[in-house]
Amino acid sequence: MIVQKGIVTEQTIYSHELEEEVTLLIYLPSMFSLLYKYSLLIAQDGKDYFMFGKVGRVVEQLMEERKIDRTIVVGIPYKNVHDRYEKYHPNGGKHTAYLKFLANELVPYLDQEFPTYQMGMGRALIGDSLGGTVSLLAGLTYPHTFGKIAMQSPYFNEAILEKIEQFTEPHLLQLYHSIGTEETAVKTTDGNVRDFVTPNRNARDRFIQKGFDYTYEEFSGDHTWTYWQPDLPKALASILVL
């Protein structure tokens, strides 16, 4: 059994971009010391990654096994389903402001508070579904700030596929991408039922064609934490490798 040995604290920072207080869940690993520098893992759906993903335990285990770098986890919870859509979906009213918050407000705050590498390849973003989408879009928008992206069952549409196609600096990003083979009828926030498998495979083809540092996995399962949680160690070992 993996035991979470580190400490989770809750902090809030004010975002001028979003014009609101943003809650942060900060996980400092058990062997945390100001003498070392740490990678940052910033998780959309922050509370879900701690509760359902057991991200603290997974990070602790992988660090003990020396499979990943020393890592601080920063979870950003969403307030409700509407808030999540507004910030994560490309068409959401707060989407652009949220990307600016991540790059221009959250990162400087974390670099000031903790002993981080203060470089793109020292920062990873992770998210499931729309959380994976916004993580990718943050990386494509600010590739010098976020060098590593893990997407678990992300949402893709033509506009996002086009952004991948137009991206000119794939050498700056390291990607992990997973999708379940049974995600053919996913009920989304807007009430529609969508096939996630085909767009994800189309995105896979674009990532490969563009020459990204890219790992792709398909698992036997659907669009739930039942499958994202077992996939998490593989995702983190891929992007946070020593």
Protein backbone atom coordinates (compact mmCIF):
# COMPACT_ATOMS: atom_id res chain seq x y z
CA MET A 1 0.00 0.00 0.00
CA ILE A 2 1.32 3.44 -0.96
CA VAL A 3 1.20 5.91 1.94
CA GLN A 4 1.01 9.65 1.40
CA LYS A 5 3.80 10.94 3.61
CA GLY A 6 4.02 14.55 2.55
CA ILE A 7 1.93 17.53 3.58
CA VAL A 8 -0.99 19.11 1.71
CA THR A 9 -1.71 22.74 2.51
CA GLU A 10 -4.37 25.02 1.09
CA GLN A 11 -3.40 28.49 -0.07
CA THR A 12 -5.21 31.21 -1.96
CA ILE A 13 -3.84 33.82 -4.33
CA TYR A 14 -5.67 36.67 -5.97
CA SER A 15 -5.73 36.59 -9.77
CA HIS A 16 -5.98 39.96 -11.49
CA GLU A 17 -6.49 38.16 -14.80
CA LEU A 18 -9.52 36.27 -13.47
CA GLU A 19 -10.54 38.95 -10.95
CA GLU A 20 -11.05 36.36 -8.24
CA GLU A 21 -9.37 34.41 -5.47
CA VAL A 22 -7.91 31.10 -6.65
CA THR A 23 -7.50 28.19 -4.24
CA LEU A 24 -4.33 26.09 -4.47
CA LEU A 25 -3.68 22.66 -2.94
CA ILE A 26 0.09 22.36 -2.41
CA TYR A 27 1.72 18.98 -1.81
CA LEU A 28 5.24 19.10 -0.39
CA PRO A 29 6.82 15.63 -0.44
CA SER A 30 7.99 13.97 2.78
CA MET A 31 11.68 14.64 2.11
CA PHE A 32 11.11 18.26 1.14
CA SER A 33 14.13 20.47 1.79
CA LEU A 34 15.02 24.03 0.82
CA LEU A 35 18.46 22.69 -0.08
CA TYR A 36 17.14 21.10 -3.31
CA LYS A 37 15.31 22.32 -6.38
CA TYR A 38 11.99 20.77 -7.37
CA SER A 39 9.96 20.17 -10.50
CA LEU A 40 6.41 21.54 -10.42
CA LEU A 41 3.41 19.39 -11.32
CA ILE A 42 0.40 21.69 -11.76
CA ALA A 43 -2.88 19.78 -11.86
CA GLN A 44 -6.15 21.06 -13.29
CA ASP A 45 -9.12 19.42 -11.54
CA GLY A 46 -6.86 19.73 -8.51
CA LYS A 47 -9.15 18.26 -5.87
CA ASP A 48 -9.96 15.31 -8.14
CA TYR A 49 -6.28 14.50 -8.63
CA PHE A 50 -5.75 14.40 -4.87
CA MET A 51 -8.98 12.55 -3.99
CA PHE A 52 -9.46 10.16 -6.91
CA GLY A 53 -6.01 10.18 -8.49
CA LYS A 54 -4.14 9.84 -5.16
CA VAL A 55 -1.50 12.04 -6.78
CA GLY A 56 0.40 12.65 -3.53
CA ARG A 57 0.84 8.94 -2.95
CA VAL A 58 1.80 8.31 -6.56
CA VAL A 59 4.43 11.06 -6.56
CA GLU A 60 5.85 9.85 -3.25
CA GLN A 61 6.12 6.27 -4.52
CA LEU A 62 7.73 7.27 -7.82
CA MET A 63 10.25 9.48 -6.02
CA GLU A 64 11.13 6.65 -3.62
CA GLU A 65 11.69 4.38 -6.62
CA ARG A 66 13.80 7.13 -8.25
CA LYS A 67 11.59 7.10 -11.34
CA ILE A 68 10.82 10.82 -11.22
CA ASP A 69 12.52 14.02 -10.15
CA ARG A 70 11.85 15.68 -6.78
CA THR A 71 8.38 17.15 -7.33
CA ILE A 72 5.97 19.60 -5.71
CA VAL A 73 2.32 19.13 -6.71
CA VAL A 74 0.03 22.14 -7.10
CA GLY A 75 -3.65 21.32 -7.54
CA ILE A 76 -6.11 23.95 -8.78
CA PRO A 77 -9.67 22.92 -7.88
CA TYR A 78 -12.63 24.14 -9.92
CA LYS A 79 -15.59 25.73 -8.14
CA ASN A 80 -18.33 23.96 -10.10
CA VAL A 81 -19.03 22.49 -13.53
CA HIS A 82 -19.81 25.91 -15.03
CA ASP A 83 -16.58 27.42 -13.66
CA ARG A 84 -14.64 24.48 -15.07
CA TYR A 85 -16.12 24.93 -18.55
CA GLU A 86 -15.57 28.69 -18.55
CA LYS A 87 -11.86 28.28 -17.76
CA TYR A 88 -10.93 25.01 -19.44
CA HIS A 89 -12.93 24.96 -22.69
CA PRO A 90 -11.44 26.98 -25.60
CA ASN A 91 -14.83 28.67 -26.03
CA GLY A 92 -15.21 29.44 -22.33
CA GLY A 93 -15.55 33.07 -21.31
CA LYS A 94 -12.60 32.91 -18.90
CA HIS A 95 -10.36 30.59 -20.94
CA THR A 96 -7.83 33.15 -22.16
CA ALA A 97 -7.69 34.80 -18.74
CA TYR A 98 -7.10 31.40 -17.12
CA LEU A 99 -4.15 30.67 -19.43
CA LYS A 100 -2.70 34.08 -18.54
CA PHE A 101 -3.24 33.34 -14.85
CA LEU A 102 -1.32 30.07 -15.13
CA ALA A 103 1.65 31.60 -16.93
CA ASN A 104 1.81 35.16 -15.63
CA GLU A 105 0.52 34.90 -12.06
CA LEU A 106 0.69 31.33 -10.77
CA VAL A 107 4.20 30.52 -12.03
CA PRO A 108 5.87 33.67 -10.62
CA TYR A 109 4.13 33.04 -7.29
CA LEU A 110 5.33 29.42 -7.11
CA ASP A 111 8.85 30.35 -8.19
CA GLN A 112 8.94 32.90 -5.40
CA GLU A 113 7.52 30.60 -2.72
CA PHE A 114 9.39 27.38 -3.48
CA PRO A 115 12.84 26.21 -4.65
CA THR A 116 11.90 25.52 -8.28
CA TYR A 117 14.03 25.23 -11.43
CA GLN A 118 12.41 28.38 -12.88
CA MET A 119 12.46 26.99 -16.43
CA GLY A 120 9.92 25.44 -18.79
CA MET A 121 11.22 21.87 -18.55
CA GLY A 122 10.92 22.09 -14.77
CA ARG A 123 7.15 22.65 -14.98
CA ALA A 124 4.52 20.08 -15.92
CA LEU A 125 0.79 20.50 -16.42
CA ILE A 126 -1.68 17.62 -16.08
CA GLY A 127 -5.43 17.26 -16.45
CA ASP A 128 -8.21 14.86 -17.37
CA SER A 129 -10.80 15.50 -20.09
CA LEU A 130 -11.15 19.31 -20.47
CA GLY A 131 -8.39 19.63 -17.86
CA GLY A 132 -6.08 17.85 -20.28
CA THR A 133 -7.23 20.15 -23.06
CA VAL A 134 -6.47 23.35 -21.15
CA SER A 135 -3.11 21.92 -20.07
CA LEU A 136 -2.18 21.33 -23.72
CA LEU A 137 -3.40 24.77 -24.79
CA ALA A 138 -1.37 26.41 -22.00
CA GLY A 139 1.70 24.55 -23.27
CA LEU A 140 1.06 25.56 -26.88
CA THR A 141 0.51 29.18 -25.82
CA TYR A 142 3.40 29.42 -23.36
CA PRO A 143 5.89 26.71 -24.39
CA HIS A 144 8.82 28.45 -22.70
CA THR A 145 6.88 28.46 -19.40
CA PHE A 146 5.39 24.94 -19.44
CA GLY A 147 7.62 22.32 -21.03
CA LYS A 148 5.80 19.14 -20.04
CA ILE A 149 2.14 18.23 -20.53
CA ALA A 150 0.16 15.12 -19.49
CA MET A 151 -3.33 14.71 -20.97
CA GLN A 152 -5.67 11.97 -19.76
CA SER A 153 -8.61 11.55 -22.15
CA PRO A 154 -8.52 15.16 -23.40
CA TYR A 155 -11.26 16.80 -25.44
CA PHE A 156 -10.31 17.74 -29.01
CA ASN A 157 -12.18 19.64 -31.70
CA GLU A 158 -11.06 20.94 -35.10
CA ALA A 159 -9.88 24.26 -33.69
CA ILE A 160 -7.57 22.51 -31.21
CA LEU A 161 -6.25 20.16 -33.90
CA GLU A 162 -5.51 23.24 -35.99
CA LYS A 163 -3.56 24.81 -33.10
CA ILE A 164 -1.39 21.68 -32.97
CA GLU A 165 -0.87 21.91 -36.72
CA GLN A 166 0.16 25.57 -36.53
CA PHE A 167 2.52 25.18 -33.57
CA THR A 168 6.08 25.89 -34.71
CA GLU A 169 8.19 24.84 -31.69
CA PRO A 170 7.41 21.16 -30.93
CA HIS A 171 10.98 20.69 -29.62
CA LEU A 172 10.02 22.78 -26.58
CA LEU A 173 7.31 20.38 -25.34
CA GLN A 174 7.30 16.85 -23.94
CA LEU A 175 3.85 15.24 -24.07
CA TYR A 176 2.07 12.27 -22.50
CA HIS A 177 -1.34 11.43 -23.96
CA SER A 178 -3.73 8.63 -23.01
CA ILE A 179 -7.26 7.66 -24.07
CA GLY A 180 -9.58 4.76 -23.29
CA THR A 181 -10.74 2.54 -26.15
CA GLU A 182 -14.30 2.60 -24.76
CA GLU A 183 -14.61 6.40 -24.79
CA THR A 184 -16.90 6.39 -27.81
CA ALA A 185 -19.99 7.92 -26.17
CA VAL A 186 -18.87 10.42 -23.52
CA LYS A 187 -21.47 12.76 -22.02
CA THR A 188 -19.90 16.22 -21.96
CA THR A 189 -20.66 19.31 -19.85
CA ASP A 190 -22.88 20.81 -22.56
CA GLY A 191 -25.15 17.75 -22.44
CA ASN A 192 -23.98 16.25 -25.72
CA VAL A 193 -22.63 12.73 -26.19
CA ARG A 194 -19.34 12.66 -28.07
CA ASP A 195 -16.89 10.16 -29.46
CA PHE A 196 -13.52 10.92 -27.84
CA VAL A 197 -11.53 8.10 -29.42
CA THR A 198 -11.49 9.29 -33.04
CA PRO A 199 -10.47 12.92 -32.28
CA ASN A 200 -7.79 11.69 -29.87
CA ARG A 201 -6.34 9.40 -32.52
CA ASN A 202 -6.41 12.29 -34.99
CA ALA A 203 -4.51 14.38 -32.44
CA ARG A 204 -2.03 11.54 -31.96
CA ASP A 205 -1.31 11.53 -35.68
CA ARG A 206 -0.73 15.31 -35.65
CA PHE A 207 1.61 15.12 -32.65
CA ILE A 208 3.67 12.41 -34.34
CA GLN A 209 3.76 14.22 -37.69
CA LYS A 210 4.91 17.43 -35.98
CA GLY A 211 7.76 15.62 -34.25
CA PHE A 212 6.87 16.24 -30.61
CA ASP A 213 8.65 14.33 -27.83
CA TYR A 214 5.51 12.26 -27.40
CA THR A 215 4.21 9.22 -25.54
CA TYR A 216 0.77 7.83 -26.45
CA GLU A 217 -1.18 5.15 -24.57
CA GLU A 218 -4.56 3.55 -25.12
CA PHE A 219 -6.12 1.74 -22.17
CA SER A 220 -9.11 -0.61 -22.05
CA GLY A 221 -11.66 1.55 -20.29
CA ASP A 222 -13.94 4.55 -20.37
CA HIS A 223 -13.95 8.22 -19.37
CA THR A 224 -13.64 7.81 -15.58
CA TRP A 225 -11.16 7.91 -12.71
CA THR A 226 -11.44 4.11 -12.52
CA TYR A 227 -8.99 4.13 -15.44
CA TRP A 228 -7.22 7.49 -15.06
CA GLN A 229 -5.90 6.60 -11.60
CA PRO A 230 -4.02 3.44 -12.74
CA ASP A 231 -2.72 5.44 -15.72
CA LEU A 232 -1.35 8.22 -13.51
CA PRO A 233 1.97 6.57 -12.48
CA LYS A 234 2.79 5.94 -16.14
CA ALA A 235 1.92 9.53 -17.04
CA LEU A 236 4.06 11.04 -14.28
CA ALA A 237 6.98 8.69 -14.89
CA SER A 238 6.88 9.77 -18.54
CA ILE A 239 6.99 13.55 -18.01
CA LEU A 240 8.80 13.87 -14.67
CA VAL A 241 11.58 11.40 -15.46
CA LEU A 242 14.89 12.02 -13.69
